[in-house]
Amino acid sequence: MLSISGTGKVREYRLVHRVAMAAQDRDGKELLAPSVLQLNRDFSYDDQQVMAKEAEEAMLHREMEQDILRQLLRRLAFLR
């Protein structure tokens, strides 16, 4: 929850997607130091549009997963 209205209703949420990663070769030699990739997205909420806001949240989660996967693949590409 990011913010609430004066009546105590949620107005904004913050979505957080976090992935920890590291890479080693077959011999256990560290190729990529442990690190955390994190994305944050804020979105507004409206009790009058519950279905639309649920769809928006699902879309944001998918986009965040895709973004973090692209970041992870770019880091792994540098290991070649």
C-alpha atoms as a PDB file:
ATOM      1  CA  MET A   1       0.000   0.000   0.000  1.00  0.00           C
ATOM      2  CA  LEU A   2       1.388   3.358  -1.010  1.00  0.00           C
ATOM      3  CA  SER A   3      -1.285   5.840   0.095  1.00  0.00           C
ATOM      4  CA  ILE A   4      -4.742   5.986   1.612  1.00  0.00           C
ATOM      5  CA  SER A   5      -7.562   8.495   1.351  1.00  0.00           C
ATOM      6  CA  GLY A   6      -8.869  10.622   4.199  1.00  0.00           C
ATOM      7  CA  THR A   7     -11.564   7.999   4.760  1.00  0.00           C
ATOM      8  CA  GLY A   8      -8.999   5.225   5.144  1.00  0.00           C
ATOM      9  CA  LYS A   9      -9.479   3.641   1.708  1.00  0.00           C
ATOM     10  CA  VAL A  10      -6.488   2.539  -0.313  1.00  0.00           C
ATOM     11  CA  ARG A  11      -5.743   4.912  -3.196  1.00  0.00           C
ATOM     12  CA  GLU A  12      -2.398   3.654  -4.463  1.00  0.00           C
ATOM     13  CA  TYR A  13      -0.393   0.452  -4.340  1.00  0.00           C
ATOM     14  CA  ARG A  14       3.274  -0.230  -4.956  1.00  0.00           C
ATOM     15  CA  LEU A  15       4.118  -3.515  -6.641  1.00  0.00           C
ATOM     16  CA  VAL A  16       7.610  -4.880  -6.023  1.00  0.00           C
ATOM     17  CA  HIS A  17       9.233  -7.647  -8.056  1.00  0.00           C
ATOM     18  CA  ARG A  18      12.607  -8.809  -6.727  1.00  0.00           C
ATOM     19  CA  VAL A  19      14.920 -11.550  -8.028  1.00  0.00           C
ATOM     20  CA  ALA A  20      18.231 -12.614  -6.507  1.00  0.00           C
ATOM     21  CA  MET A  21      20.800 -13.961  -8.942  1.00  0.00           C
ATOM     22  CA  ALA A  22      24.355 -15.241  -9.163  1.00  0.00           C
ATOM     23  CA  ALA A  23      26.268 -17.370 -11.662  1.00  0.00           C
ATOM     24  CA  GLN A  24      29.038 -19.917 -11.326  1.00  0.00           C
ATOM     25  CA  ASP A  25      30.859 -22.083 -13.839  1.00  0.00           C
ATOM     26  CA  ARG A  26      30.981 -25.884 -13.594  1.00  0.00           C
ATOM     27  CA  ASP A  27      33.993 -25.696 -11.278  1.00  0.00           C
ATOM     28  CA  GLY A  28      32.201 -23.382  -8.867  1.00  0.00           C
ATOM     29  CA  LYS A  29      34.131 -20.272  -9.938  1.00  0.00           C
ATOM     30  CA  GLU A  30      32.016 -17.155  -9.500  1.00  0.00           C
ATOM     31  CA  LEU A  31      31.116 -15.636 -12.857  1.00  0.00           C
ATOM     32  CA  LEU A  32      28.549 -13.176 -11.626  1.00  0.00           C
ATOM     33  CA  ALA A  33      28.525 -11.893  -8.060  1.00  0.00           C
ATOM     34  CA  PRO A  34      25.286 -12.293  -6.120  1.00  0.00           C
ATOM     35  CA  SER A  35      22.982  -9.373  -6.803  1.00  0.00           C
ATOM     36  CA  VAL A  36      19.333  -8.431  -6.592  1.00  0.00           C
ATOM     37  CA  LEU A  37      17.251  -7.120  -9.462  1.00  0.00           C
ATOM     38  CA  GLN A  38      14.253  -5.122  -8.293  1.00  0.00           C
ATOM     39  CA  LEU A  39      11.462  -3.294 -10.068  1.00  0.00           C
ATOM     40  CA  ASN A  40       8.788  -1.109  -8.470  1.00  0.00           C
ATOM     41  CA  ARG A  41       5.542   0.022 -10.049  1.00  0.00           C
ATOM     42  CA  ASP A  42       2.937   2.271  -8.476  1.00  0.00           C
ATOM     43  CA  PHE A  43      -0.704   2.200  -9.530  1.00  0.00           C
ATOM     44  CA  SER A  44      -3.860   3.886  -8.357  1.00  0.00           C
ATOM     45  CA  TYR A  45      -6.846   1.989  -7.028  1.00  0.00           C
ATOM     46  CA  ASP A  46     -10.539   2.794  -7.309  1.00  0.00           C
ATOM     47  CA  ASP A  47     -13.325   0.817  -5.577  1.00  0.00           C
ATOM     48  CA  GLN A  48     -15.606   1.689  -8.482  1.00  0.00           C
ATOM     49  CA  GLN A  49     -13.341  -0.094 -10.996  1.00  0.00           C
ATOM     50  CA  VAL A  50     -12.340  -3.293  -9.198  1.00  0.00           C
ATOM     51  CA  MET A  51     -12.274  -5.540 -12.287  1.00  0.00           C
ATOM     52  CA  ALA A  52     -10.310  -3.040 -14.355  1.00  0.00           C
ATOM     53  CA  LYS A  53      -7.808  -2.467 -11.557  1.00  0.00           C
ATOM     54  CA  GLU A  54      -7.310  -6.219 -11.076  1.00  0.00           C
ATOM     55  CA  ALA A  55      -6.584  -6.531 -14.808  1.00  0.00           C
ATOM     56  CA  GLU A  56      -4.188  -3.569 -14.604  1.00  0.00           C
ATOM     57  CA  GLU A  57      -2.365  -5.167 -11.673  1.00  0.00           C
ATOM     58  CA  ALA A  58      -2.025  -8.483 -13.546  1.00  0.00           C
ATOM     59  CA  MET A  59      -0.687  -6.643 -16.604  1.00  0.00           C
ATOM     60  CA  LEU A  60       1.847  -4.745 -14.474  1.00  0.00           C
ATOM     61  CA  HIS A  61       3.041  -8.016 -12.896  1.00  0.00           C
ATOM     62  CA  ARG A  62       3.531  -9.581 -16.353  1.00  0.00           C
ATOM     63  CA  GLU A  63       5.433  -6.518 -17.602  1.00  0.00           C
ATOM     64  CA  MET A  64       7.628  -6.501 -14.506  1.00  0.00           C
ATOM     65  CA  GLU A  65       8.423 -10.207 -14.929  1.00  0.00           C
ATOM     66  CA  GLN A  66       9.346  -9.626 -18.581  1.00  0.00           C
ATOM     67  CA  ASP A  67      11.492  -6.578 -17.728  1.00  0.00           C
ATOM     68  CA  ILE A  68      13.378  -8.399 -14.997  1.00  0.00           C
ATOM     69  CA  LEU A  69      13.911 -11.419 -17.247  1.00  0.00           C
ATOM     70  CA  ARG A  70      15.388  -9.159 -19.962  1.00  0.00           C
ATOM     71  CA  GLN A  71      17.738  -7.607 -17.384  1.00  0.00           C
ATOM     72  CA  LEU A  72      18.801 -11.048 -16.184  1.00  0.00           C
ATOM     73  CA  LEU A  73      19.440 -12.264 -19.749  1.00  0.00           C
ATOM     74  CA  ARG A  74      21.473  -9.123 -20.583  1.00  0.00           C
ATOM     75  CA  ARG A  75      23.710  -9.750 -17.562  1.00  0.00           C
ATOM     76  CA  LEU A  76      24.155 -13.395 -18.514  1.00  0.00           C
ATOM     77  CA  ALA A  77      24.974 -12.410 -22.114  1.00  0.00           C
ATOM     78  CA  PHE A  78      28.042 -10.518 -20.875  1.00  0.00           C
ATOM     79  CA  LEU A  79      29.486 -13.749 -19.500  1.00  0.00           C
ATOM     80  CA  ARG A  80      30.208 -15.117 -22.988  1.00  0.00           C
END
